[in-house]
């Protein structure tokens, strides 16, 4: 086992470091912000081109 500077995960490691997540606990912690992205998805702007046709 490695010391405090090591990155070895064992039974005493915090859940987030091991990769275990308690979803109800996170929902309670984040409240209505649970599942809301910090950077909202925005579709790319539409590409506007000059109309081709009769003048």
PDB file of N, CA and C in Angstrom:
ATOM      1  N   UNK A   1       0.856  -1.181   0.000  1.00  0.00           N
ATOM      2  CA  UNK A   1       0.000   0.000   0.000  1.00  0.00           C
ATOM      3  C   UNK A   1       0.890   1.229   0.000  1.00  0.00           C
ATOM      4  N   UNK A   2       0.479   2.278  -0.707  1.00  0.00           N
ATOM      5  CA  UNK A   2       1.241   3.511  -0.796  1.00  0.00           C
ATOM      6  C   UNK A   2       0.828   4.457   0.322  1.00  0.00           C
ATOM      7  N   UNK A   3       1.663   5.438   0.586  1.00  0.00           N
ATOM      8  CA  UNK A   3       1.378   6.424   1.630  1.00  0.00           C
ATOM      9  C   UNK A   3       0.373   7.462   1.164  1.00  0.00           C
ATOM     10  N   UNK A   4       0.368   8.595   1.840  1.00  0.00           N
ATOM     11  CA  UNK A   4      -0.590   9.650   1.518  1.00  0.00           C
ATOM     12  C   UNK A   4      -0.369  10.233   0.126  1.00  0.00           C
ATOM     13  N   UNK A   5       0.850  10.172  -0.375  1.00  0.00           N
ATOM     14  CA  UNK A   5       1.125  10.734  -1.691  1.00  0.00           C
ATOM     15  C   UNK A   5       0.786   9.775  -2.819  1.00  0.00           C
ATOM     16  N   UNK A   6       0.522   8.511  -2.507  1.00  0.00           N
ATOM     17  CA  UNK A   6       0.206   7.521  -3.533  1.00  0.00           C
ATOM     18  C   UNK A   6      -1.216   7.654  -4.032  1.00  0.00           C
ATOM     19  N   UNK A   7      -1.524   6.950  -5.114  1.00  0.00           N
ATOM     20  CA  UNK A   7      -2.862   7.025  -5.682  1.00  0.00           C
ATOM     21  C   UNK A   7      -3.561   5.667  -5.641  1.00  0.00           C
ATOM     22  N   UNK A   8      -3.123   4.790  -4.747  1.00  0.00           N
ATOM     23  CA  UNK A   8      -3.720   3.470  -4.638  1.00  0.00           C
ATOM     24  C   UNK A   8      -5.035   3.568  -3.859  1.00  0.00           C
ATOM     25  N   UNK A   9      -6.114   3.045  -4.420  1.00  0.00           N
ATOM     26  CA  UNK A   9      -7.416   3.072  -3.755  1.00  0.00           C
ATOM     27  C   UNK A   9      -7.606   1.770  -2.986  1.00  0.00           C
ATOM     28  N   UNK A  10      -8.024   1.884  -1.731  1.00  0.00           N
ATOM     29  CA  UNK A  10      -8.302   0.699  -0.931  1.00  0.00           C
ATOM     30  C   UNK A  10      -9.637   0.897  -0.207  1.00  0.00           C
ATOM     31  N   UNK A  11      -9.944   0.025   0.734  1.00  0.00           N
ATOM     32  CA  UNK A  11     -11.229   0.066   1.426  1.00  0.00           C
ATOM     33  C   UNK A  11     -11.413   1.336   2.248  1.00  0.00           C
ATOM     34  N   UNK A  12     -10.329   2.012   2.587  1.00  0.00           N
ATOM     35  CA  UNK A  12     -10.439   3.235   3.390  1.00  0.00           C
ATOM     36  C   UNK A  12     -10.539   4.492   2.535  1.00  0.00           C
ATOM     37  N   UNK A  13     -10.484   4.358   1.215  1.00  0.00           N
ATOM     38  CA  UNK A  13     -10.542   5.513   0.324  1.00  0.00           C
ATOM     39  C   UNK A  13     -11.947   6.096   0.295  1.00  0.00           C
ATOM     40  N   UNK A  14     -12.046   7.417   0.099  1.00  0.00           N
ATOM     41  CA  UNK A  14     -13.391   8.012  -0.034  1.00  0.00           C
ATOM     42  C   UNK A  14     -14.119   7.439  -1.259  1.00  0.00           C
ATOM     43  N   UNK A  15     -15.440   7.389  -1.178  1.00  0.00           N
ATOM     44  CA  UNK A  15     -16.242   6.794  -2.252  1.00  0.00           C
ATOM     45  C   UNK A  15     -15.956   7.423  -3.613  1.00  0.00           C
ATOM     46  N   UNK A  16     -15.838   8.751  -3.669  1.00  0.00           N
ATOM     47  CA  UNK A  16     -15.627   9.417  -4.953  1.00  0.00           C
ATOM     48  C   UNK A  16     -14.300   9.001  -5.579  1.00  0.00           C
ATOM     49  N   UNK A  17     -13.292   8.738  -4.755  1.00  0.00           N
ATOM     50  CA  UNK A  17     -11.988   8.335  -5.288  1.00  0.00           C
ATOM     51  C   UNK A  17     -12.061   6.928  -5.870  1.00  0.00           C
ATOM     52  N   UNK A  18     -12.839   6.061  -5.254  1.00  0.00           N
ATOM     53  CA  UNK A  18     -12.970   4.686  -5.711  1.00  0.00           C
ATOM     54  C   UNK A  18     -13.895   4.608  -6.923  1.00  0.00           C
ATOM     55  N   UNK A  19     -14.839   5.542  -7.047  1.00  0.00           N
ATOM     56  CA  UNK A  19     -15.769   5.552  -8.169  1.00  0.00           C
ATOM     57  C   UNK A  19     -17.173   5.145  -7.784  1.00  0.00           C
ATOM     58  N   UNK A  20     -17.455   5.053  -6.473  1.00  0.00           N
ATOM     59  CA  UNK A  20     -18.785   4.693  -5.992  1.00  0.00           C
ATOM     60  C   UNK A  20     -19.543   5.990  -5.726  1.00  0.00           C
ATOM     61  N   UNK A  21     -20.766   6.077  -6.213  1.00  0.00           N
ATOM     62  CA  UNK A  21     -21.558   7.285  -6.013  1.00  0.00           C
ATOM     63  C   UNK A  21     -22.887   6.905  -5.381  1.00  0.00           C
ATOM     64  N   UNK A  22     -23.267   7.631  -4.338  1.00  0.00           N
ATOM     65  CA  UNK A  22     -24.541   7.434  -3.670  1.00  0.00           C
ATOM     66  C   UNK A  22     -25.526   8.448  -4.271  1.00  0.00           C
ATOM     67  N   UNK A  23     -26.300   8.014  -5.268  1.00  0.00           N
ATOM     68  CA  UNK A  23     -27.182   8.914  -6.017  1.00  0.00           C
ATOM     69  C   UNK A  23     -28.173   9.650  -5.110  1.00  0.00           C
ATOM     70  N   UNK A  24     -28.902   8.982  -4.200  1.00  0.00           N
ATOM     71  CA  UNK A  24     -29.822   9.734  -3.337  1.00  0.00           C
ATOM     72  C   UNK A  24     -29.099  10.789  -2.494  1.00  0.00           C
ATOM     73  N   UNK A  25     -27.885  10.501  -2.059  1.00  0.00           N
ATOM     74  CA  UNK A  25     -27.124  11.477  -1.290  1.00  0.00           C
ATOM     75  C   UNK A  25     -26.738  12.683  -2.125  1.00  0.00           C
ATOM     76  N   UNK A  26     -26.352  12.435  -3.373  1.00  0.00           N
ATOM     77  CA  UNK A  26     -25.988  13.534  -4.266  1.00  0.00           C
ATOM     78  C   UNK A  26     -27.224  14.356  -4.612  1.00  0.00           C
ATOM     79  N   UNK A  27     -28.361  13.689  -4.827  1.00  0.00           N
ATOM     80  CA  UNK A  27     -29.607  14.414  -5.115  1.00  0.00           C
ATOM     81  C   UNK A  27     -29.985  15.325  -3.950  1.00  0.00           C
ATOM     82  N   UNK A  28     -29.818  14.833  -2.735  1.00  0.00           N
ATOM     83  CA  UNK A  28     -30.145  15.641  -1.564  1.00  0.00           C
ATOM     84  C   UNK A  28     -29.172  16.811  -1.438  1.00  0.00           C
ATOM     85  N   UNK A  29     -27.902  16.576  -1.747  1.00  0.00           N
ATOM     86  CA  UNK A  29     -26.895  17.623  -1.635  1.00  0.00           C
ATOM     87  C   UNK A  29     -27.119  18.724  -2.669  1.00  0.00           C
ATOM     88  N   UNK A  30     -27.412  18.344  -3.929  1.00  0.00           N
ATOM     89  CA  UNK A  30     -27.533  19.325  -4.998  1.00  0.00           C
ATOM     90  C   UNK A  30     -28.940  19.898  -5.143  1.00  0.00           C
ATOM     91  N   UNK A  31     -29.932  19.238  -4.569  1.00  0.00           N
ATOM     92  CA  UNK A  31     -31.294  19.741  -4.637  1.00  0.00           C
ATOM     93  C   UNK A  31     -31.796  19.816  -6.066  1.00  0.00           C
ATOM     94  N   UNK A  32     -32.415  20.949  -6.405  1.00  0.00           N
ATOM     95  CA  UNK A  32     -32.995  21.074  -7.745  1.00  0.00           C
ATOM     96  C   UNK A  32     -31.948  21.235  -8.833  1.00  0.00           C
ATOM     97  N   UNK A  33     -30.686  21.414  -8.458  1.00  0.00           N
ATOM     98  CA  UNK A  33     -29.619  21.521  -9.450  1.00  0.00           C
ATOM     99  C   UNK A  33     -29.072  20.164  -9.878  1.00  0.00           C
ATOM    100  N   UNK A  34     -29.567  19.077  -9.290  1.00  0.00           N
ATOM    101  CA  UNK A  34     -29.076  17.745  -9.642  1.00  0.00           C
ATOM    102  C   UNK A  34     -29.388  17.442 -11.102  1.00  0.00           C
ATOM    103  N   UNK A  35     -28.380  17.070 -11.848  1.00  0.00           N
ATOM    104  CA  UNK A  35     -28.554  16.723 -13.251  1.00  0.00           C
ATOM    105  C   UNK A  35     -28.517  17.906 -14.191  1.00  0.00           C
ATOM    106  N   UNK A  36     -28.330  19.110 -13.664  1.00  0.00           N
ATOM    107  CA  UNK A  36     -28.271  20.304 -14.497  1.00  0.00           C
ATOM    108  C   UNK A  36     -26.810  20.601 -14.791  1.00  0.00           C
ATOM    109  N   UNK A  37     -26.482  20.721 -16.056  1.00  0.00           N
ATOM    110  CA  UNK A  37     -25.101  20.956 -16.455  1.00  0.00           C
ATOM    111  C   UNK A  37     -24.669  22.376 -16.118  1.00  0.00           C
ATOM    112  N   UNK A  38     -23.405  22.518 -15.730  1.00  0.00           N
ATOM    113  CA  UNK A  38     -22.852  23.845 -15.471  1.00  0.00           C
ATOM    114  C   UNK A  38     -22.709  24.609 -16.779  1.00  0.00           C
ATOM    115  N   UNK A  39     -22.340  23.909 -17.839  1.00  0.00           N
ATOM    116  CA  UNK A  39     -22.227  24.512 -19.164  1.00  0.00           C
ATOM    117  C   UNK A  39     -23.375  23.974 -20.013  1.00  0.00           C
ATOM    118  N   UNK A  40     -24.467  24.734 -20.151  1.00  0.00           N
ATOM    119  CA  UNK A  40     -25.617  24.223 -20.891  1.00  0.00           C
ATOM    120  C   UNK A  40     -25.281  23.971 -22.360  1.00  0.00           C
ATOM    121  N   UNK A  41     -25.929  22.957 -22.920  1.00  0.00           N
ATOM    122  CA  UNK A  41     -25.722  22.622 -24.326  1.00  0.00           C
ATOM    123  C   UNK A  41     -26.404  23.666 -25.186  1.00  0.00           C
ATOM    124  N   UNK A  42     -25.664  24.199 -26.125  1.00  0.00           N
ATOM    125  CA  UNK A  42     -26.240  25.152 -27.076  1.00  0.00           C
ATOM    126  C   UNK A  42     -25.923  24.637 -28.474  1.00  0.00           C
ATOM    127  N   UNK A  43     -26.940  24.459 -29.296  1.00  0.00           N
ATOM    128  CA  UNK A  43     -26.674  23.989 -30.662  1.00  0.00           C
ATOM    129  C   UNK A  43     -25.871  25.042 -31.422  1.00  0.00           C
ATOM    130  N   UNK A  44     -25.122  24.640 -32.428  1.00  0.00           N
ATOM    131  CA  UNK A  44     -24.347  25.622 -33.194  1.00  0.00           C
ATOM    132  C   UNK A  44     -25.275  26.610 -33.892  1.00  0.00           C
ATOM    133  N   UNK A  45     -24.796  27.828 -34.109  1.00  0.00           N
ATOM    134  CA  UNK A  45     -25.651  28.822 -34.776  1.00  0.00           C
ATOM    135  C   UNK A  45     -25.968  28.390 -36.206  1.00  0.00           C
ATOM    136  N   UNK A  46     -27.130  28.768 -36.700  1.00  0.00           N
ATOM    137  CA  UNK A  46     -27.491  28.365 -38.061  1.00  0.00           C
ATOM    138  C   UNK A  46     -26.564  29.031 -39.085  1.00  0.00           C
ATOM    139  N   UNK A  47     -26.308  28.312 -40.156  1.00  0.00           N
ATOM    140  CA  UNK A  47     -25.473  28.843 -41.225  1.00  0.00           C
ATOM    141  C   UNK A  47     -26.395  29.550 -42.210  1.00  0.00           C
ATOM    142  N   UNK A  48     -26.159  30.848 -42.369  1.00  0.00           N
ATOM    143  CA  UNK A  48     -26.990  31.644 -43.277  1.00  0.00           C
ATOM    144  C   UNK A  48     -26.197  31.887 -44.550  1.00  0.00           C
ATOM    145  N   UNK A  49     -26.813  31.561 -45.671  1.00  0.00           N
ATOM    146  CA  UNK A  49     -26.152  31.800 -46.949  1.00  0.00           C
ATOM    147  C   UNK A  49     -27.065  32.683 -47.816  1.00  0.00           C
ATOM    148  N   UNK A  50     -26.451  33.323 -48.777  1.00  0.00           N
ATOM    149  CA  UNK A  50     -27.217  34.182 -49.675  1.00  0.00           C
ATOM    150  C   UNK A  50     -28.153  33.310 -50.516  1.00  0.00           C
ATOM    151  N   UNK A  51     -29.375  33.774 -50.702  1.00  0.00           N
ATOM    152  CA  UNK A  51     -30.311  32.995 -51.510  1.00  0.00           C
ATOM    153  C   UNK A  51     -29.868  32.955 -52.963  1.00  0.00           C
ATOM    154  N   UNK A  52     -30.027  31.795 -53.557  1.00  0.00           N
ATOM    155  CA  UNK A  52     -29.688  31.632 -54.975  1.00  0.00           C
ATOM    156  C   UNK A  52     -31.007  31.510 -55.727  1.00  0.00           C
ATOM    157  N   UNK A  53     -31.204  32.382 -56.683  1.00  0.00           N
ATOM    158  CA  UNK A  53     -32.456  32.297 -57.432  1.00  0.00           C
ATOM    159  C   UNK A  53     -32.693  33.568 -58.244  1.00  0.00           C
ATOM    160  N   UNK A  54     -33.955  33.877 -58.489  1.00  0.00           N
ATOM    161  CA  UNK A  54     -34.322  35.018 -59.305  1.00  0.00           C
ATOM    162  C   UNK A  54     -34.019  36.305 -58.598  1.00  0.00           C
ATOM    163  N   UNK A  55     -33.663  37.317 -59.380  1.00  0.00           N
ATOM    164  CA  UNK A  55     -33.406  38.651 -58.806  1.00  0.00           C
ATOM    165  C   UNK A  55     -34.432  39.630 -59.271  1.00  0.00           C
TER     166      UNK A  55
END
